[in-house]
Amino acid sequence: QVQLVESGGGLAQPGGSLRLSCAASGSIFSINAMGWYRQAPGKERELVALKSSGGSTNYGGSVEGRFTISRDNAKVYLQMNSLKPEDTAVYYCKANVALNRWSIAVDYWGQGTQVTVSS
């Protein structure tokens, strides 16, 4: 019903930059919050950045000041600057989607994209 497709992951050197993109498609009536989470090996999935439909933004503590989230309707982007080795993780796009005007919004996840920060 709803697909989230991520792109832009890869290898970056410490101090470098990467830009992630995510596009939502399918039977979408509305999207509430949309953003990014990440999961490193052996760790729990954590919030990176989230942007509501009203424009408010929430960042995880370890990325604030280095990462910037932006959104254009059903697309969300994550500009990652000043990357550190500890940013290495699989990054997942998440969207809170209502399929019609009567349905409760539920979370959909992308398949994940690997980000590796290493010299």
N, C-alpha and C. Protein backbone atom coordinates (compact mmCIF):
# COMPACT_ATOMS: atom_id res chain seq x y z
N GLN A 1 0.81 -1.21 0.00
CA GLN A 1 0.00 0.00 0.00
C GLN A 1 0.85 1.26 0.00
N VAL A 2 1.84 1.29 0.88
CA VAL A 2 2.73 2.44 0.98
C VAL A 2 4.16 1.95 0.84
N GLN A 3 4.93 2.60 0.00
CA GLN A 3 6.33 2.24 -0.16
C GLN A 3 7.20 3.45 0.18
N LEU A 4 8.26 3.19 0.90
CA LEU A 4 9.26 4.21 1.19
C LEU A 4 10.56 3.75 0.56
N VAL A 5 11.13 4.55 -0.31
CA VAL A 5 12.36 4.18 -1.00
C VAL A 5 13.45 5.18 -0.63
N GLU A 6 14.51 4.66 -0.04
CA GLU A 6 15.62 5.50 0.40
C GLU A 6 16.76 5.43 -0.61
N SER A 7 17.56 6.47 -0.63
CA SER A 7 18.76 6.48 -1.46
C SER A 7 19.77 7.44 -0.84
N GLY A 8 21.02 7.31 -1.27
CA GLY A 8 22.04 8.26 -0.86
C GLY A 8 23.03 7.77 0.16
N GLY A 9 22.88 6.57 0.66
CA GLY A 9 23.85 6.05 1.61
C GLY A 9 25.17 5.74 0.93
N GLY A 10 26.15 5.35 1.73
CA GLY A 10 27.44 5.00 1.17
C GLY A 10 28.56 5.21 2.17
N LEU A 11 29.76 5.37 1.65
CA LEU A 11 30.96 5.52 2.46
C LEU A 11 31.40 6.98 2.45
N ALA A 12 31.71 7.49 3.63
CA ALA A 12 32.23 8.85 3.76
C ALA A 12 33.38 8.85 4.74
N GLN A 13 34.28 9.78 4.57
CA GLN A 13 35.39 9.94 5.51
C GLN A 13 34.93 10.75 6.71
N PRO A 14 35.57 10.59 7.84
CA PRO A 14 35.26 11.45 9.00
C PRO A 14 35.39 12.92 8.61
N GLY A 15 34.39 13.70 9.01
CA GLY A 15 34.35 15.10 8.65
C GLY A 15 33.65 15.37 7.33
N GLY A 16 33.32 14.32 6.60
CA GLY A 16 32.67 14.46 5.30
C GLY A 16 31.17 14.60 5.42
N SER A 17 30.52 14.56 4.25
CA SER A 17 29.08 14.77 4.17
C SER A 17 28.43 13.72 3.29
N LEU A 18 27.19 13.44 3.60
CA LEU A 18 26.32 12.63 2.76
C LEU A 18 24.91 13.21 2.83
N ARG A 19 24.13 12.93 1.80
CA ARG A 19 22.74 13.37 1.77
C ARG A 19 21.86 12.16 1.47
N LEU A 20 20.91 11.91 2.37
CA LEU A 20 19.95 10.82 2.18
C LEU A 20 18.63 11.38 1.67
N SER A 21 17.96 10.58 0.85
CA SER A 21 16.65 10.94 0.34
C SER A 21 15.68 9.79 0.57
N CYS A 22 14.42 10.12 0.75
CA CYS A 22 13.38 9.11 0.92
C CYS A 22 12.11 9.63 0.26
N ALA A 23 11.51 8.78 -0.56
CA ALA A 23 10.27 9.16 -1.23
C ALA A 23 9.19 8.15 -0.87
N ALA A 24 8.04 8.68 -0.47
CA ALA A 24 6.88 7.84 -0.15
C ALA A 24 5.93 7.81 -1.33
N SER A 25 5.38 6.64 -1.59
CA SER A 25 4.42 6.51 -2.69
C SER A 25 3.38 5.45 -2.32
N GLY A 26 2.27 5.45 -3.05
CA GLY A 26 1.22 4.48 -2.80
C GLY A 26 -0.09 5.15 -2.47
N SER A 27 -0.95 4.42 -1.77
CA SER A 27 -2.29 4.92 -1.44
C SER A 27 -2.23 5.79 -0.19
N ILE A 28 -1.78 7.01 -0.38
CA ILE A 28 -1.55 7.93 0.75
C ILE A 28 -2.60 9.03 0.73
N PHE A 29 -3.29 9.19 1.86
CA PHE A 29 -4.19 10.33 2.02
C PHE A 29 -3.43 11.51 2.61
N SER A 30 -2.68 11.23 3.68
CA SER A 30 -1.89 12.29 4.30
C SER A 30 -0.71 11.66 5.05
N ILE A 31 0.33 12.45 5.19
CA ILE A 31 1.50 12.04 5.95
C ILE A 31 1.69 13.00 7.11
N ASN A 32 1.78 12.47 8.30
CA ASN A 32 2.04 13.30 9.47
C ASN A 32 3.56 13.47 9.59
N ALA A 33 4.14 12.94 10.62
CA ALA A 33 5.59 13.04 10.77
C ALA A 33 6.30 12.12 9.78
N MET A 34 7.45 12.59 9.33
CA MET A 34 8.28 11.82 8.39
C MET A 34 9.72 12.11 8.73
N GLY A 35 10.55 11.07 8.76
CA GLY A 35 11.93 11.34 9.13
C GLY A 35 12.82 10.12 9.11
N TRP A 36 13.85 10.15 9.94
CA TRP A 36 14.91 9.17 9.89
C TRP A 36 15.24 8.59 11.26
N TYR A 37 15.50 7.30 11.27
CA TYR A 37 16.04 6.59 12.42
C TYR A 37 17.28 5.85 11.94
N ARG A 38 18.08 5.38 12.89
CA ARG A 38 19.24 4.59 12.52
C ARG A 38 19.48 3.48 13.53
N GLN A 39 20.16 2.45 13.06
CA GLN A 39 20.48 1.32 13.93
C GLN A 39 21.88 0.84 13.62
N ALA A 40 22.75 0.93 14.62
CA ALA A 40 24.11 0.43 14.51
C ALA A 40 24.15 -1.02 15.00
N PRO A 41 25.14 -1.80 14.57
CA PRO A 41 25.23 -3.20 15.00
C PRO A 41 25.25 -3.32 16.52
N GLY A 42 24.40 -4.17 17.05
CA GLY A 42 24.35 -4.41 18.48
C GLY A 42 23.65 -3.34 19.29
N LYS A 43 23.05 -2.37 18.60
CA LYS A 43 22.37 -1.28 19.31
C LYS A 43 20.91 -1.19 18.89
N GLU A 44 20.12 -0.50 19.70
CA GLU A 44 18.72 -0.31 19.37
C GLU A 44 18.57 0.80 18.32
N ARG A 45 17.46 0.72 17.62
CA ARG A 45 17.15 1.76 16.65
C ARG A 45 16.88 3.06 17.41
N GLU A 46 17.43 4.17 16.88
CA GLU A 46 17.29 5.45 17.57
C GLU A 46 16.85 6.54 16.60
N LEU A 47 16.23 7.55 17.15
CA LEU A 47 15.78 8.70 16.37
C LEU A 47 16.99 9.49 15.87
N VAL A 48 16.95 9.85 14.60
CA VAL A 48 17.93 10.79 14.05
C VAL A 48 17.27 12.15 13.89
N ALA A 49 16.20 12.20 13.11
CA ALA A 49 15.51 13.46 12.89
C ALA A 49 14.11 13.18 12.37
N LEU A 50 13.17 14.02 12.80
CA LEU A 50 11.78 13.84 12.43
C LEU A 50 11.18 15.21 12.13
N LYS A 51 10.37 15.29 11.08
CA LYS A 51 9.74 16.56 10.73
C LYS A 51 8.23 16.33 10.58
N SER A 52 7.46 17.13 11.27
CA SER A 52 6.01 16.99 11.22
C SER A 52 5.46 17.67 9.97
N SER A 53 4.19 17.41 9.70
CA SER A 53 3.53 18.07 8.57
C SER A 53 3.40 19.57 8.81
N GLY A 54 3.41 19.96 10.07
CA GLY A 54 3.33 21.38 10.40
C GLY A 54 4.67 22.09 10.38
N GLY A 55 5.76 21.33 10.21
CA GLY A 55 7.07 21.95 10.08
C GLY A 55 7.96 21.83 11.31
N SER A 56 7.42 21.36 12.43
CA SER A 56 8.28 21.25 13.61
C SER A 56 9.26 20.10 13.43
N THR A 57 10.42 20.25 14.05
CA THR A 57 11.52 19.32 13.86
C THR A 57 12.03 18.80 15.19
N ASN A 58 12.40 17.54 15.20
CA ASN A 58 12.96 16.93 16.40
C ASN A 58 14.22 16.16 15.99
N TYR A 59 15.33 16.44 16.65
CA TYR A 59 16.60 15.77 16.35
C TYR A 59 17.05 14.92 17.53
N GLY A 60 17.72 13.82 17.22
CA GLY A 60 18.40 13.06 18.24
C GLY A 60 19.57 13.87 18.76
N GLY A 61 19.90 13.68 20.04
CA GLY A 61 20.89 14.54 20.66
C GLY A 61 22.27 14.47 20.04
N SER A 62 22.64 13.32 19.52
CA SER A 62 24.00 13.16 19.02
C SER A 62 24.21 13.78 17.64
N VAL A 63 23.14 14.17 16.95
CA VAL A 63 23.30 14.70 15.59
C VAL A 63 22.94 16.17 15.48
N GLU A 64 22.31 16.71 16.51
CA GLU A 64 21.87 18.11 16.42
C GLU A 64 23.07 19.03 16.18
N GLY A 65 22.89 19.93 15.22
CA GLY A 65 23.96 20.83 14.84
C GLY A 65 24.81 20.33 13.69
N ARG A 66 24.70 19.04 13.39
CA ARG A 66 25.47 18.47 12.28
C ARG A 66 24.57 17.98 11.15
N PHE A 67 23.39 17.50 11.49
CA PHE A 67 22.46 16.96 10.50
C PHE A 67 21.29 17.94 10.35
N THR A 68 20.75 18.00 9.14
CA THR A 68 19.60 18.86 8.86
C THR A 68 18.57 18.08 8.08
N ILE A 69 17.34 18.06 8.58
CA ILE A 69 16.25 17.39 7.90
C ILE A 69 15.43 18.42 7.13
N SER A 70 14.99 18.03 5.95
CA SER A 70 14.08 18.87 5.19
C SER A 70 13.04 17.96 4.55
N ARG A 71 11.93 18.60 4.17
CA ARG A 71 10.82 17.78 3.68
C ARG A 71 10.08 18.55 2.59
N ASP A 72 9.67 17.81 1.59
CA ASP A 72 8.88 18.37 0.50
C ASP A 72 7.74 17.41 0.25
N ASN A 73 6.62 17.64 0.93
CA ASN A 73 5.42 16.82 0.81
C ASN A 73 5.74 15.37 1.16
N ALA A 74 5.80 14.48 0.17
CA ALA A 74 6.02 13.06 0.44
C ALA A 74 7.48 12.64 0.31
N LYS A 75 8.37 13.62 0.32
CA LYS A 75 9.80 13.32 0.27
C LYS A 75 10.48 13.95 1.48
N VAL A 76 11.46 13.25 2.00
CA VAL A 76 12.22 13.79 3.13
C VAL A 76 13.70 13.56 2.85
N TYR A 77 14.50 14.51 3.31
CA TYR A 77 15.93 14.50 3.05
C TYR A 77 16.69 14.65 4.37
N LEU A 78 17.89 14.12 4.41
CA LEU A 78 18.75 14.28 5.57
C LEU A 78 20.14 14.67 5.08
N GLN A 79 20.51 15.90 5.34
CA GLN A 79 21.85 16.38 5.03
C GLN A 79 22.73 16.11 6.24
N MET A 80 23.76 15.30 6.06
CA MET A 80 24.63 14.91 7.16
C MET A 80 26.01 15.51 6.93
N ASN A 81 26.41 16.40 7.81
CA ASN A 81 27.71 17.05 7.73
C ASN A 81 28.55 16.66 8.95
N SER A 82 29.83 16.91 8.85
CA SER A 82 30.75 16.63 9.97
C SER A 82 30.56 15.22 10.48
N LEU A 83 30.53 14.27 9.57
CA LEU A 83 30.27 12.89 9.93
C LEU A 83 31.37 12.31 10.82
N LYS A 84 30.94 11.44 11.73
CA LYS A 84 31.85 10.78 12.66
C LYS A 84 31.72 9.27 12.48
N PRO A 85 32.74 8.53 12.86
CA PRO A 85 32.64 7.06 12.76
C PRO A 85 31.44 6.51 13.51
N GLU A 86 31.05 7.15 14.59
CA GLU A 86 29.90 6.67 15.37
C GLU A 86 28.57 6.93 14.67
N ASP A 87 28.58 7.62 13.55
CA ASP A 87 27.37 7.78 12.74
C ASP A 87 27.13 6.57 11.85
N THR A 88 28.08 5.65 11.82
CA THR A 88 27.93 4.45 11.01
C THR A 88 26.75 3.62 11.48
N ALA A 89 25.83 3.35 10.57
CA ALA A 89 24.60 2.63 10.91
C ALA A 89 23.80 2.41 9.64
N VAL A 90 22.75 1.61 9.77
CA VAL A 90 21.73 1.55 8.73
C VAL A 90 20.70 2.62 9.05
N TYR A 91 20.41 3.45 8.09
CA TYR A 91 19.47 4.55 8.27
C TYR A 91 18.13 4.19 7.63
N TYR A 92 17.07 4.35 8.42
CA TYR A 92 15.73 3.98 7.98
C TYR A 92 14.85 5.21 7.89
N CYS A 93 14.10 5.30 6.82
CA CYS A 93 13.09 6.33 6.66
C CYS A 93 11.79 5.84 7.29
N LYS A 94 11.09 6.73 7.98
CA LYS A 94 9.80 6.39 8.56
C LYS A 94 8.79 7.46 8.22
N ALA A 95 7.58 7.04 7.92
CA ALA A 95 6.50 7.98 7.66
C ALA A 95 5.25 7.51 8.39
N ASN A 96 4.56 8.45 9.02
CA ASN A 96 3.30 8.18 9.70
C ASN A 96 2.18 8.56 8.74
N VAL A 97 1.49 7.54 8.22
CA VAL A 97 0.63 7.73 7.05
C VAL A 97 -0.81 7.35 7.36
N ALA A 98 -1.73 8.20 6.91
CA ALA A 98 -3.15 7.87 6.91
C ALA A 98 -3.55 7.50 5.49
N LEU A 99 -4.21 6.35 5.34
CA LEU A 99 -4.56 5.87 4.00
C LEU A 99 -5.85 6.51 3.47
N ASN A 100 -6.69 7.00 4.36
CA ASN A 100 -7.90 7.72 3.97
C ASN A 100 -8.33 8.60 5.12
N ARG A 101 -9.37 9.40 4.91
CA ARG A 101 -9.74 10.39 5.90
C ARG A 101 -10.30 9.78 7.18
N TRP A 102 -10.67 8.48 7.14
CA TRP A 102 -11.25 7.85 8.32
C TRP A 102 -10.25 6.97 9.06
N SER A 103 -9.14 6.66 8.48
CA SER A 103 -8.22 5.69 9.06
C SER A 103 -7.27 6.34 10.05
N ILE A 104 -6.82 5.52 10.98
CA ILE A 104 -5.79 5.95 11.92
C ILE A 104 -4.44 5.89 11.21
N ALA A 105 -3.63 6.89 11.41
CA ALA A 105 -2.31 6.89 10.78
C ALA A 105 -1.41 5.84 11.42
N VAL A 106 -0.67 5.14 10.59
CA VAL A 106 0.27 4.13 11.08
C VAL A 106 1.64 4.39 10.50
N ASP A 107 2.64 3.80 11.13
CA ASP A 107 4.03 4.00 10.70
C ASP A 107 4.42 3.01 9.62
N TYR A 108 5.08 3.53 8.59
CA TYR A 108 5.68 2.70 7.55
C TYR A 108 7.18 2.96 7.55
N TRP A 109 7.93 1.91 7.22
CA TRP A 109 9.39 2.00 7.22
C TRP A 109 9.96 1.66 5.85
N GLY A 110 11.07 2.31 5.53
CA GLY A 110 11.82 1.93 4.35
C GLY A 110 12.70 0.72 4.64
N GLN A 111 13.41 0.29 3.61
CA GLN A 111 14.22 -0.92 3.74
C GLN A 111 15.58 -0.65 4.39
N GLY A 112 15.94 0.61 4.49
CA GLY A 112 17.20 0.98 5.11
C GLY A 112 18.31 1.20 4.10
N THR A 113 19.21 2.12 4.42
CA THR A 113 20.37 2.37 3.58
C THR A 113 21.60 2.49 4.50
N GLN A 114 22.67 1.83 4.09
CA GLN A 114 23.88 1.78 4.92
C GLN A 114 24.68 3.06 4.79
N VAL A 115 25.07 3.61 5.92
CA VAL A 115 26.01 4.74 5.97
C VAL A 115 27.23 4.28 6.76
N THR A 116 28.39 4.38 6.15
CA THR A 116 29.63 3.99 6.81
C THR A 116 30.59 5.17 6.79
N VAL A 117 31.07 5.52 7.98
CA VAL A 117 32.01 6.64 8.10
C VAL A 117 33.34 6.05 8.57
N SER A 118 34.32 6.11 7.69
CA SER A 118 35.61 5.50 7.98
C SER A 118 36.69 6.11 7.10
N SER A 119 37.89 6.17 7.65
CA SER A 119 39.02 6.66 6.86
C SER A 119 39.75 5.49 6.18
